[in-house]
Amino acid sequence: MTEEHDAEYADESIAFLETLWGEGYLSPGGPEEVRAVLSGIDLTGLTVLDLGCGSGGIALSLVEDYGAGRVVGVDVEEPVLEKGRQRVRERDLEDRIEVMRVEPGPLPLPDGGFDVFFSKDSMIHIPDKEALFADAYRLLVPGGRLVASDWLIAHDDEPSADMRRYLDLEGLSFNMASPARYRRALEGAGFQDVELYNRNPWYRETARSELAALEGPLYEKAAAAAGRETVDHNIQTWTAMLKVLEAGEHCPHHLRARKPA
C-alpha cells in the first residue's frame, strides 16, 4: 500500500460531470459508452470487479442491465463512494453490490475472486501499469476477462505543450501511458488475447459536441448544479482537451484481455 489518497473530486466536480454524462456517471459517454465497452460480453451471473466505481452508476448498471450476479466496486475517493452507497441502498441492491474504499496499491481482495475485471476510465490515475495488470491477473479466475476503457497518450515521450496545458487544467492525478506500454504490461502480467481499440475518433467528435453544449444550451443547467466558476473552468479544459484529441495525442482506448484457463 502507498500513502493515503487525497480526494480530488469535490461535490462541484461530481455535480458537473453527472450533469454532462448522466446520474452516477463520471466518465465520457455515460451508459452508451459502457454498452460499447461491454459489446459481446455476457456478464450473466458473473462476479465483477468495478475498478474506480465512482458514484455508482456503472456498478448498478452491471447488475440491473447486464445481469451480473455480484459486483464489488472499489475507489479511493470517499465523496463519490458515499453517493454510490446511497444509490445502492435506494435500489435495495446491497446483497449484490458492495462498494469499498481502498488505498492506492494492490487491492485487499482474494486471489481468483472475480470472473471479470472491469474499469471505465479510471486506470489513468494509476502510474504503475505493470503492477496494476499484475494485480488484475491475480484477482481473476482462470479464463477470466479484463474488459476496460482508459485514457491513453499516443507516445511515452514528454507530453507536448498542448497536452501539458490540458493536463494542468484538469488538475487531476493523470498518469497517461501509450498503447504500446499497455500492451506490454498486459502481456507481461500473463494475459493472452490482448486487444486495444483506439476510441479517439469517437471521443473527438463527442468532446466537440460536449463543448458546444457547455457553451450553449447546457450552460445554465450545469451552472445551477455545479456553479458558474466550475463550468467556466471546464469550458477552458474541454477547449484544451479537444486540441490534443484533434492532434491524436490524446487517444482513449478500449482494452480486452484474457487470463489463460
Protein backbone atom coordinates (compact mmCIF):
# COMPACT_ATOMS: atom_id res chain seq x y z
CA MET A 1 0.00 0.00 0.00
CA THR A 2 1.02 3.56 -0.55
CA GLU A 3 0.11 6.63 1.48
CA GLU A 4 -3.50 7.69 1.85
CA HIS A 5 -5.09 9.29 -1.20
CA ASP A 6 -6.36 12.87 -1.04
CA ALA A 7 -9.79 13.23 -2.63
CA GLU A 8 -9.71 15.01 -6.00
CA TYR A 9 -13.39 15.02 -6.90
CA ALA A 10 -15.25 17.71 -4.97
CA ASP A 11 -19.04 17.85 -4.86
CA GLU A 12 -18.99 20.54 -7.56
CA SER A 13 -16.94 18.34 -9.87
CA ILE A 14 -19.24 15.37 -9.31
CA ALA A 15 -22.31 17.50 -10.00
CA PHE A 16 -20.76 18.90 -13.18
CA LEU A 17 -19.74 15.52 -14.59
CA GLU A 18 -23.08 13.90 -13.79
CA THR A 19 -24.87 16.79 -15.50
CA LEU A 20 -22.79 16.13 -18.58
CA TRP A 21 -22.78 12.31 -18.63
CA GLY A 22 -25.73 11.19 -16.53
CA GLU A 23 -26.51 10.44 -12.90
CA GLY A 24 -23.89 8.12 -11.45
CA TYR A 25 -21.51 8.52 -14.43
CA LEU A 26 -18.20 10.36 -14.13
CA SER A 27 -16.63 9.45 -17.46
CA PRO A 28 -17.44 10.12 -21.13
CA GLY A 29 -20.36 8.61 -22.95
CA GLY A 30 -22.42 7.56 -19.96
CA PRO A 31 -24.46 4.34 -20.36
CA GLU A 32 -23.98 4.19 -24.14
CA GLU A 33 -20.20 4.04 -23.88
CA VAL A 34 -20.43 1.37 -21.18
CA ARG A 35 -22.51 -0.63 -23.66
CA ALA A 36 -19.76 -0.21 -26.24
CA VAL A 37 -17.06 -1.32 -23.79
CA LEU A 38 -19.09 -4.44 -22.95
CA SER A 39 -20.13 -5.25 -26.51
CA GLY A 40 -20.27 -9.03 -26.94
CA ILE A 41 -19.50 -9.72 -23.26
CA ASP A 42 -22.08 -11.75 -21.29
CA LEU A 43 -21.98 -10.90 -17.58
CA THR A 44 -24.99 -13.01 -16.61
CA GLY A 45 -24.44 -14.41 -13.12
CA LEU A 46 -20.75 -13.45 -13.05
CA THR A 47 -18.77 -11.80 -10.26
CA VAL A 48 -17.38 -8.47 -11.48
CA LEU A 49 -14.81 -6.08 -10.02
CA ASP A 50 -15.51 -2.46 -10.96
CA LEU A 51 -12.21 -0.63 -10.51
CA GLY A 52 -12.78 3.08 -9.98
CA CYS A 53 -16.51 2.68 -9.43
CA GLY A 54 -17.02 6.37 -8.66
CA SER A 55 -20.56 7.40 -7.78
CA GLY A 56 -22.02 4.01 -8.59
CA GLY A 57 -23.87 4.38 -11.87
CA ILE A 58 -21.91 1.67 -13.66
CA ALA A 59 -21.98 -0.80 -10.76
CA LEU A 60 -25.77 -0.51 -10.69
CA SER A 61 -25.97 -0.95 -14.44
CA LEU A 62 -23.75 -4.04 -14.40
CA VAL A 63 -26.35 -5.74 -12.19
CA GLU A 64 -29.58 -4.21 -13.46
CA ASP A 65 -28.84 -4.03 -17.20
CA TYR A 66 -26.21 -6.73 -17.75
CA GLY A 67 -27.24 -9.37 -15.21
CA ALA A 68 -24.01 -9.57 -13.20
CA GLY A 69 -24.51 -11.81 -10.19
CA ARG A 70 -22.34 -9.72 -7.87
CA VAL A 71 -20.34 -6.53 -8.26
CA VAL A 72 -17.59 -5.22 -5.99
CA GLY A 73 -16.90 -1.56 -6.70
CA VAL A 74 -13.67 -0.06 -5.42
CA ASP A 75 -12.45 3.52 -5.42
CA VAL A 76 -10.08 5.78 -3.48
CA GLU A 77 -12.49 8.75 -3.39
CA GLU A 78 -14.77 8.83 -0.34
CA PRO A 79 -17.07 11.65 -1.61
CA VAL A 80 -18.03 9.73 -4.73
CA LEU A 81 -18.25 6.43 -2.88
CA GLU A 82 -20.81 7.79 -0.43
CA LYS A 83 -23.02 8.79 -3.34
CA GLY A 84 -22.59 5.29 -4.76
CA ARG A 85 -23.51 3.65 -1.47
CA GLN A 86 -26.62 5.78 -1.23
CA ARG A 87 -27.71 4.74 -4.72
CA VAL A 88 -27.16 1.06 -3.93
CA ARG A 89 -29.28 1.41 -0.78
CA GLU A 90 -32.03 3.24 -2.65
CA ARG A 91 -32.21 0.40 -5.20
CA ASP A 92 -32.13 -2.24 -2.45
CA LEU A 93 -29.15 -3.96 -4.07
CA GLU A 94 -26.83 -4.24 -1.07
CA ASP A 95 -26.92 -8.03 -1.35
CA ARG A 96 -25.45 -7.87 -4.88
CA ILE A 97 -23.31 -4.72 -4.90
CA GLU A 98 -20.53 -3.95 -2.42
CA VAL A 99 -18.84 -0.55 -2.57
CA MET A 100 -15.41 -0.34 -0.92
CA ARG A 101 -12.93 2.44 -0.28
CA VAL A 102 -9.36 1.29 -0.88
CA GLU A 103 -5.92 2.83 -0.69
CA PRO A 104 -3.71 3.07 -3.80
CA GLY A 105 -1.80 -0.14 -4.41
CA PRO A 106 -2.64 -3.86 -4.53
CA LEU A 107 -6.30 -4.43 -3.77
CA PRO A 108 -7.22 -6.17 -0.48
CA LEU A 109 -9.25 -8.81 -2.28
CA PRO A 110 -8.75 -12.58 -2.65
CA ASP A 111 -6.86 -14.26 -5.47
CA GLY A 112 -9.14 -15.61 -8.17
CA GLY A 113 -12.20 -13.92 -6.74
CA PHE A 114 -13.61 -12.44 -9.97
CA ASP A 115 -14.79 -13.57 -13.37
CA VAL A 116 -14.41 -10.10 -14.89
CA PHE A 117 -12.11 -7.19 -14.10
CA PHE A 118 -13.90 -4.08 -15.37
CA SER A 119 -12.79 -0.46 -15.35
CA LYS A 120 -14.14 2.64 -17.05
CA ASP A 121 -11.57 5.42 -17.50
CA SER A 122 -10.03 5.03 -14.04
CA MET A 123 -6.68 3.33 -14.68
CA ILE A 124 -5.32 6.69 -15.86
CA HIS A 125 -4.97 7.56 -12.16
CA ILE A 126 -2.62 4.61 -11.53
CA PRO A 127 1.00 5.32 -12.52
CA ASP A 128 2.36 1.75 -12.35
CA LYS A 129 0.52 -0.02 -15.17
CA GLU A 130 2.66 -3.13 -14.77
CA ALA A 131 1.68 -3.55 -11.11
CA LEU A 132 -1.93 -2.74 -11.96
CA PHE A 133 -2.26 -5.52 -14.53
CA ALA A 134 -0.33 -7.99 -12.39
CA ASP A 135 -2.90 -7.39 -9.65
CA ALA A 136 -5.76 -7.71 -12.14
CA TYR A 137 -4.33 -11.05 -13.28
CA ARG A 138 -4.12 -12.24 -9.66
CA LEU A 139 -7.73 -11.30 -8.96
CA LEU A 140 -9.22 -13.14 -11.95
CA VAL A 141 -10.26 -16.77 -12.12
CA PRO A 142 -8.54 -18.87 -14.80
CA GLY A 143 -10.21 -17.90 -18.06
CA GLY A 144 -11.39 -14.61 -16.57
CA ARG A 145 -11.63 -11.47 -18.67
CA LEU A 146 -10.27 -7.94 -18.36
CA VAL A 147 -12.69 -5.53 -20.05
CA ALA A 148 -11.95 -1.83 -19.72
CA SER A 149 -11.57 1.59 -21.23
CA ASP A 150 -8.98 4.19 -20.34
CA TRP A 151 -7.42 7.47 -21.44
CA LEU A 152 -4.09 6.93 -23.18
CA ILE A 153 -1.45 9.12 -24.78
CA ALA A 154 -0.12 8.24 -28.22
CA HIS A 155 3.54 8.00 -27.08
CA ASP A 156 5.71 7.59 -23.99
CA ASP A 157 7.78 10.72 -24.56
CA GLU A 158 7.26 14.01 -22.76
CA PRO A 159 3.77 15.44 -23.36
CA SER A 160 3.54 18.23 -25.89
CA ALA A 161 2.97 21.78 -24.70
CA ASP A 162 -0.70 21.46 -25.69
CA MET A 163 -1.06 18.22 -23.72
CA ARG A 164 0.70 19.75 -20.71
CA ARG A 165 -1.72 22.69 -20.75
CA TYR A 166 -4.67 20.32 -20.88
CA LEU A 167 -3.34 18.20 -18.00
CA ASP A 168 -2.67 21.31 -15.92
CA LEU A 169 -6.26 22.46 -16.46
CA GLU A 170 -7.61 19.04 -15.46
CA GLY A 171 -5.63 19.30 -12.22
CA LEU A 172 -6.04 15.57 -11.54
CA SER A 173 -3.55 12.75 -10.98
CA PHE A 174 -3.50 11.70 -14.63
CA ASN A 175 -0.76 9.16 -15.39
CA MET A 176 -1.14 8.58 -19.12
CA ALA A 177 0.75 5.88 -20.97
CA SER A 178 0.87 4.69 -24.56
CA PRO A 179 -0.99 1.78 -26.18
CA ALA A 180 2.39 0.07 -26.59
CA ARG A 181 3.04 0.25 -22.85
CA TYR A 182 -0.44 -1.01 -22.01
CA ARG A 183 0.04 -3.99 -24.32
CA ARG A 184 3.47 -4.80 -22.85
CA ALA A 185 2.11 -4.51 -19.31
CA LEU A 186 -0.87 -6.77 -20.04
CA GLU A 187 1.20 -9.41 -21.81
CA GLY A 188 3.93 -9.14 -19.18
CA ALA A 189 1.36 -9.90 -16.48
CA GLY A 190 0.44 -13.11 -18.33
CA PHE A 191 -2.70 -12.04 -20.20
CA GLN A 192 -3.50 -13.51 -23.60
CA ASP A 193 -5.75 -12.36 -26.46
CA VAL A 194 -4.83 -8.73 -25.74
CA GLU A 195 -6.84 -6.28 -27.83
CA LEU A 196 -6.71 -2.48 -27.89
CA TYR A 197 -9.18 -0.30 -29.80
CA ASN A 198 -8.49 3.39 -30.39
CA ARG A 199 -11.55 5.45 -29.48
CA ASN A 200 -10.04 8.82 -30.42
CA PRO A 201 -12.34 9.31 -33.45
CA TRP A 202 -15.42 8.73 -31.29
CA TYR A 203 -14.38 10.95 -28.40
CA ARG A 204 -13.01 13.67 -30.65
CA GLU A 205 -16.50 14.17 -32.08
CA THR A 206 -18.21 13.63 -28.72
CA ALA A 207 -15.99 16.17 -26.97
CA ARG A 208 -16.72 18.69 -29.71
CA SER A 209 -20.45 18.22 -29.09
CA GLU A 210 -19.97 18.42 -25.33
CA LEU A 211 -18.09 21.71 -25.62
CA ALA A 212 -20.77 23.18 -27.87
CA ALA A 213 -23.43 22.16 -25.32
CA LEU A 214 -21.48 23.64 -22.41
CA GLU A 215 -21.06 26.91 -24.26
CA GLY A 216 -24.73 26.91 -25.22
CA PRO A 217 -27.88 25.09 -24.08
CA LEU A 218 -26.32 23.12 -21.21
CA TYR A 219 -24.54 26.05 -19.59
CA GLU A 220 -27.31 27.22 -17.25
CA LYS A 221 -28.23 23.69 -16.13
CA ALA A 222 -24.58 22.86 -15.41
CA ALA A 223 -24.07 26.19 -13.63
CA ALA A 224 -27.12 25.57 -11.45
CA ALA A 225 -25.74 22.15 -10.47
CA ALA A 226 -22.06 22.96 -10.06
CA GLY A 227 -21.60 26.74 -10.11
CA ARG A 228 -20.54 29.08 -12.90
CA GLU A 229 -16.88 29.02 -11.88
CA THR A 230 -16.77 25.23 -12.27
CA VAL A 231 -18.47 25.35 -15.66
CA ASP A 232 -16.28 28.19 -16.95
CA HIS A 233 -13.15 26.33 -15.90
CA ASN A 234 -14.33 23.16 -17.61
CA ILE A 235 -15.06 25.04 -20.83
CA GLN A 236 -11.36 26.01 -20.82
CA THR A 237 -10.44 22.39 -20.06
CA TRP A 238 -12.61 20.98 -22.86
CA THR A 239 -11.17 23.52 -25.31
CA ALA A 240 -7.63 22.40 -24.44
CA MET A 241 -8.62 18.71 -24.48
CA LEU A 242 -10.19 19.00 -27.90
CA LYS A 243 -6.92 20.34 -29.28
CA VAL A 244 -4.96 17.23 -28.21
CA LEU A 245 -7.77 14.94 -29.31
CA GLU A 246 -7.69 16.52 -32.77
CA ALA A 247 -3.91 16.08 -32.86
CA GLY A 248 -4.30 12.40 -31.90
CA GLU A 249 -2.02 12.71 -28.88
CA HIS A 250 -4.92 12.04 -26.53
CA CYS A 251 -6.27 8.63 -27.56
CA PRO A 252 -8.82 6.91 -25.33
CA HIS A 253 -8.88 3.14 -25.85
CA HIS A 254 -10.96 0.08 -25.11
CA LEU A 255 -8.92 -2.82 -23.75
CA ARG A 256 -9.63 -6.54 -23.57
CA ALA A 257 -7.53 -9.47 -22.40
CA ARG A 258 -7.99 -12.97 -21.02
CA LYS A 259 -6.28 -14.89 -18.25
CA PRO A 260 -5.40 -18.35 -19.55
CA ALA A 261 -7.77 -21.10 -18.42
